[in-house]
């Protein structure tokens, strides 16, 4: 954990926006995920283009009933690695030449993190002028 993140974690142990997490846990998992994303985007050819799973394989790996209790984030990341990744088409792979062009990029991922952190609902100007006005401007450029 970086020094800056550690200091923020020490100061914000009970921050309501952390969803019950200590800031240190948020920083630790955030760094782990950013490191994984950087590795993933840096070398897409290491992953197969198409998943080698049969239809229903993912659904069959899920519990038949909703769990009574949630899982810890370590378990969720484990499910991501063992269930999600092997069953994902690698759209960023240089060998993927169907549907749309590659859509993932490091700046785009970081932009999505900012978007998710703000949790903006841009349905009306009142709900977020900072989201609706740029959207209207860009649409105006396209007219």
C-alpha atoms as a PDB file:
ATOM      1  CA  UNK A   1       0.000   0.000   0.000  1.00  0.00           C
ATOM      2  CA  UNK A   2       1.351   3.413  -0.874  1.00  0.00           C
ATOM      3  CA  UNK A   3       2.091   5.913   1.855  1.00  0.00           C
ATOM      4  CA  UNK A   4      -0.629   8.271   0.629  1.00  0.00           C
ATOM      5  CA  UNK A   5      -3.225   5.505   0.640  1.00  0.00           C
ATOM      6  CA  UNK A   6      -2.069   4.373   4.093  1.00  0.00           C
ATOM      7  CA  UNK A   7      -2.461   7.892   5.487  1.00  0.00           C
ATOM      8  CA  UNK A   8      -5.921   8.257   3.988  1.00  0.00           C
ATOM      9  CA  UNK A   9      -6.824   4.868   5.413  1.00  0.00           C
ATOM     10  CA  UNK A  10      -5.716   5.909   8.883  1.00  0.00           C
ATOM     11  CA  UNK A  11      -7.801   9.080   8.701  1.00  0.00           C
ATOM     12  CA  UNK A  12     -10.980   7.601   7.238  1.00  0.00           C
ATOM     13  CA  UNK A  13     -11.713   4.397   9.134  1.00  0.00           C
ATOM     14  CA  UNK A  14     -15.434   5.103   9.436  1.00  0.00           C
ATOM     15  CA  UNK A  15     -16.075   6.815   6.097  1.00  0.00           C
ATOM     16  CA  UNK A  16     -19.716   6.119   5.141  1.00  0.00           C
ATOM     17  CA  UNK A  17     -18.942   5.848   1.410  1.00  0.00           C
ATOM     18  CA  UNK A  18     -16.777   2.762   1.917  1.00  0.00           C
ATOM     19  CA  UNK A  19     -19.746   0.426   2.378  1.00  0.00           C
ATOM     20  CA  UNK A  20     -18.597  -0.954   5.708  1.00  0.00           C
ATOM     21  CA  UNK A  21     -15.010  -1.491   4.613  1.00  0.00           C
ATOM     22  CA  UNK A  22     -12.046   0.001   6.341  1.00  0.00           C
ATOM     23  CA  UNK A  23     -10.232   2.369   4.012  1.00  0.00           C
ATOM     24  CA  UNK A  24      -7.123   0.173   4.230  1.00  0.00           C
ATOM     25  CA  UNK A  25      -9.051  -2.779   2.752  1.00  0.00           C
ATOM     26  CA  UNK A  26     -10.377  -0.567  -0.048  1.00  0.00           C
ATOM     27  CA  UNK A  27      -6.835   0.585  -0.831  1.00  0.00           C
ATOM     28  CA  UNK A  28      -5.410  -2.950  -0.698  1.00  0.00           C
ATOM     29  CA  UNK A  29      -8.018  -4.460  -3.016  1.00  0.00           C
ATOM     30  CA  UNK A  30      -7.966  -1.388  -5.249  1.00  0.00           C
ATOM     31  CA  UNK A  31      -4.210  -1.711  -5.742  1.00  0.00           C
ATOM     32  CA  UNK A  32      -4.524  -5.455  -6.367  1.00  0.00           C
ATOM     33  CA  UNK A  33      -7.211  -4.904  -9.003  1.00  0.00           C
ATOM     34  CA  UNK A  34      -5.368  -2.029 -10.708  1.00  0.00           C
ATOM     35  CA  UNK A  35      -2.232  -4.196 -10.871  1.00  0.00           C
ATOM     36  CA  UNK A  36      -4.252  -7.043 -12.406  1.00  0.00           C
ATOM     37  CA  UNK A  37      -5.861  -4.674 -14.963  1.00  0.00           C
ATOM     38  CA  UNK A  38      -2.465  -3.256 -15.950  1.00  0.00           C
ATOM     39  CA  UNK A  39      -1.083  -6.767 -16.524  1.00  0.00           C
ATOM     40  CA  UNK A  40      -4.221  -7.831 -18.405  1.00  0.00           C
ATOM     41  CA  UNK A  41      -4.200  -4.828 -20.754  1.00  0.00           C
ATOM     42  CA  UNK A  42      -0.434  -4.990 -21.279  1.00  0.00           C
ATOM     43  CA  UNK A  43      -0.428  -8.522 -22.683  1.00  0.00           C
ATOM     44  CA  UNK A  44      -3.792  -9.591 -24.149  1.00  0.00           C
ATOM     45  CA  UNK A  45      -2.351 -12.390 -26.352  1.00  0.00           C
ATOM     46  CA  UNK A  46      -1.633 -14.489 -23.240  1.00  0.00           C
ATOM     47  CA  UNK A  47      -5.371 -15.187 -22.908  1.00  0.00           C
ATOM     48  CA  UNK A  48      -7.391 -17.294 -25.349  1.00  0.00           C
ATOM     49  CA  UNK A  49      -9.634 -15.269 -27.659  1.00  0.00           C
ATOM     50  CA  UNK A  50     -12.740 -17.342 -27.028  1.00  0.00           C
ATOM     51  CA  UNK A  51     -13.642 -19.173 -23.834  1.00  0.00           C
ATOM     52  CA  UNK A  52     -13.382 -22.960 -23.826  1.00  0.00           C
ATOM     53  CA  UNK A  53     -16.571 -23.501 -21.856  1.00  0.00           C
ATOM     54  CA  UNK A  54     -19.774 -25.284 -22.778  1.00  0.00           C
ATOM     55  CA  UNK A  55     -23.146 -23.529 -22.621  1.00  0.00           C
ATOM     56  CA  UNK A  56     -24.452 -23.677 -19.068  1.00  0.00           C
ATOM     57  CA  UNK A  57     -21.017 -24.167 -17.486  1.00  0.00           C
ATOM     58  CA  UNK A  58     -21.071 -20.847 -15.663  1.00  0.00           C
ATOM     59  CA  UNK A  59     -24.673 -21.244 -14.501  1.00  0.00           C
ATOM     60  CA  UNK A  60     -23.913 -24.767 -13.283  1.00  0.00           C
ATOM     61  CA  UNK A  61     -21.001 -23.443 -11.205  1.00  0.00           C
ATOM     62  CA  UNK A  62     -23.294 -21.037  -9.349  1.00  0.00           C
ATOM     63  CA  UNK A  63     -25.249 -22.055  -6.239  1.00  0.00           C
ATOM     64  CA  UNK A  64     -28.753 -23.376  -6.914  1.00  0.00           C
ATOM     65  CA  UNK A  65     -30.131 -21.122  -4.163  1.00  0.00           C
ATOM     66  CA  UNK A  66     -29.230 -17.589  -3.169  1.00  0.00           C
ATOM     67  CA  UNK A  67     -26.729 -17.653  -0.297  1.00  0.00           C
ATOM     68  CA  UNK A  68     -27.894 -16.612   3.142  1.00  0.00           C
ATOM     69  CA  UNK A  69     -24.718 -14.587   3.701  1.00  0.00           C
ATOM     70  CA  UNK A  70     -22.500 -12.630   1.360  1.00  0.00           C
ATOM     71  CA  UNK A  71     -18.949 -13.670   0.533  1.00  0.00           C
ATOM     72  CA  UNK A  72     -15.781 -11.870   1.449  1.00  0.00           C
ATOM     73  CA  UNK A  73     -14.035  -9.906  -1.263  1.00  0.00           C
ATOM     74  CA  UNK A  74     -11.180 -12.450  -1.409  1.00  0.00           C
ATOM     75  CA  UNK A  75     -13.745 -15.108  -2.362  1.00  0.00           C
ATOM     76  CA  UNK A  76     -15.345 -12.776  -4.901  1.00  0.00           C
ATOM     77  CA  UNK A  77     -11.954 -12.176  -6.525  1.00  0.00           C
ATOM     78  CA  UNK A  78     -11.378 -15.930  -6.502  1.00  0.00           C
ATOM     79  CA  UNK A  79     -14.688 -16.435  -8.316  1.00  0.00           C
ATOM     80  CA  UNK A  80     -13.645 -13.761 -10.795  1.00  0.00           C
ATOM     81  CA  UNK A  81     -10.407 -15.620 -11.508  1.00  0.00           C
ATOM     82  CA  UNK A  82     -11.874 -19.125 -11.629  1.00  0.00           C
ATOM     83  CA  UNK A  83     -15.357 -18.516 -13.058  1.00  0.00           C
ATOM     84  CA  UNK A  84     -15.506 -15.207 -14.910  1.00  0.00           C
ATOM     85  CA  UNK A  85     -12.118 -15.026 -16.641  1.00  0.00           C
ATOM     86  CA  UNK A  86     -12.162 -18.517 -18.173  1.00  0.00           C
ATOM     87  CA  UNK A  87     -15.661 -17.837 -19.573  1.00  0.00           C
ATOM     88  CA  UNK A  88     -14.932 -14.392 -21.038  1.00  0.00           C
ATOM     89  CA  UNK A  89     -14.372 -13.553 -24.683  1.00  0.00           C
ATOM     90  CA  UNK A  90     -11.204 -11.460 -24.876  1.00  0.00           C
ATOM     91  CA  UNK A  91     -12.392  -8.448 -26.866  1.00  0.00           C
ATOM     92  CA  UNK A  92      -9.006  -6.755 -26.454  1.00  0.00           C
ATOM     93  CA  UNK A  93      -7.148  -9.699 -27.971  1.00  0.00           C
ATOM     94  CA  UNK A  94      -5.447  -8.900 -31.304  1.00  0.00           C
ATOM     95  CA  UNK A  95      -6.980 -12.103 -32.696  1.00  0.00           C
ATOM     96  CA  UNK A  96     -10.562 -11.015 -31.944  1.00  0.00           C
ATOM     97  CA  UNK A  97     -11.871  -9.750 -35.263  1.00  0.00           C
ATOM     98  CA  UNK A  98     -15.633  -9.831 -34.956  1.00  0.00           C
ATOM     99  CA  UNK A  99     -18.487  -7.529 -34.041  1.00  0.00           C
ATOM    100  CA  UNK A 100     -16.772  -4.362 -32.841  1.00  0.00           C
ATOM    101  CA  UNK A 101     -13.220  -3.104 -32.600  1.00  0.00           C
ATOM    102  CA  UNK A 102     -11.243  -3.452 -29.371  1.00  0.00           C
ATOM    103  CA  UNK A 103     -12.878  -1.285 -26.803  1.00  0.00           C
ATOM    104  CA  UNK A 104     -10.771  -1.476 -23.659  1.00  0.00           C
ATOM    105  CA  UNK A 105      -7.949   0.890 -22.834  1.00  0.00           C
ATOM    106  CA  UNK A 106      -6.107   1.938 -19.701  1.00  0.00           C
ATOM    107  CA  UNK A 107      -7.493   5.523 -19.802  1.00  0.00           C
ATOM    108  CA  UNK A 108     -10.991   4.120 -20.365  1.00  0.00           C
ATOM    109  CA  UNK A 109     -10.688   1.803 -17.342  1.00  0.00           C
ATOM    110  CA  UNK A 110      -9.563   4.668 -15.110  1.00  0.00           C
ATOM    111  CA  UNK A 111     -12.378   6.844 -16.449  1.00  0.00           C
ATOM    112  CA  UNK A 112     -14.851   4.083 -15.578  1.00  0.00           C
ATOM    113  CA  UNK A 113     -13.425   3.975 -12.043  1.00  0.00           C
ATOM    114  CA  UNK A 114     -14.098   7.701 -11.680  1.00  0.00           C
ATOM    115  CA  UNK A 115     -17.586   7.270 -13.091  1.00  0.00           C
ATOM    116  CA  UNK A 116     -18.335   4.413 -10.701  1.00  0.00           C
ATOM    117  CA  UNK A 117     -17.010   6.372  -7.706  1.00  0.00           C
ATOM    118  CA  UNK A 118     -19.274   9.341  -8.477  1.00  0.00           C
ATOM    119  CA  UNK A 119     -22.283   7.071  -9.127  1.00  0.00           C
ATOM    120  CA  UNK A 120     -23.905   9.801 -11.224  1.00  0.00           C
ATOM    121  CA  UNK A 121     -27.423   9.418 -12.580  1.00  0.00           C
ATOM    122  CA  UNK A 122     -27.541  11.642 -15.636  1.00  0.00           C
ATOM    123  CA  UNK A 123     -31.244  11.319 -16.376  1.00  0.00           C
ATOM    124  CA  UNK A 124     -31.967  15.030 -15.815  1.00  0.00           C
ATOM    125  CA  UNK A 125     -29.924  18.214 -15.603  1.00  0.00           C
ATOM    126  CA  UNK A 126     -30.818  18.574 -11.911  1.00  0.00           C
ATOM    127  CA  UNK A 127     -29.410  15.154 -11.053  1.00  0.00           C
ATOM    128  CA  UNK A 128     -26.013  16.007 -12.545  1.00  0.00           C
ATOM    129  CA  UNK A 129     -25.209  19.109 -14.580  1.00  0.00           C
ATOM    130  CA  UNK A 130     -21.616  17.855 -14.900  1.00  0.00           C
ATOM    131  CA  UNK A 131     -22.854  14.761 -16.745  1.00  0.00           C
ATOM    132  CA  UNK A 132     -25.801  16.050 -18.762  1.00  0.00           C
ATOM    133  CA  UNK A 133     -24.217  19.193 -20.194  1.00  0.00           C
ATOM    134  CA  UNK A 134     -21.156  17.463 -21.730  1.00  0.00           C
ATOM    135  CA  UNK A 135     -23.466  14.765 -23.096  1.00  0.00           C
ATOM    136  CA  UNK A 136     -25.701  17.385 -24.720  1.00  0.00           C
ATOM    137  CA  UNK A 137     -22.647  19.209 -26.096  1.00  0.00           C
ATOM    138  CA  UNK A 138     -21.179  16.080 -27.684  1.00  0.00           C
ATOM    139  CA  UNK A 139     -24.556  15.138 -29.180  1.00  0.00           C
ATOM    140  CA  UNK A 140     -24.731  18.660 -30.579  1.00  0.00           C
ATOM    141  CA  UNK A 141     -21.373  18.121 -32.289  1.00  0.00           C
ATOM    142  CA  UNK A 142     -22.833  15.074 -34.042  1.00  0.00           C
ATOM    143  CA  UNK A 143     -25.884  16.888 -35.426  1.00  0.00           C
END
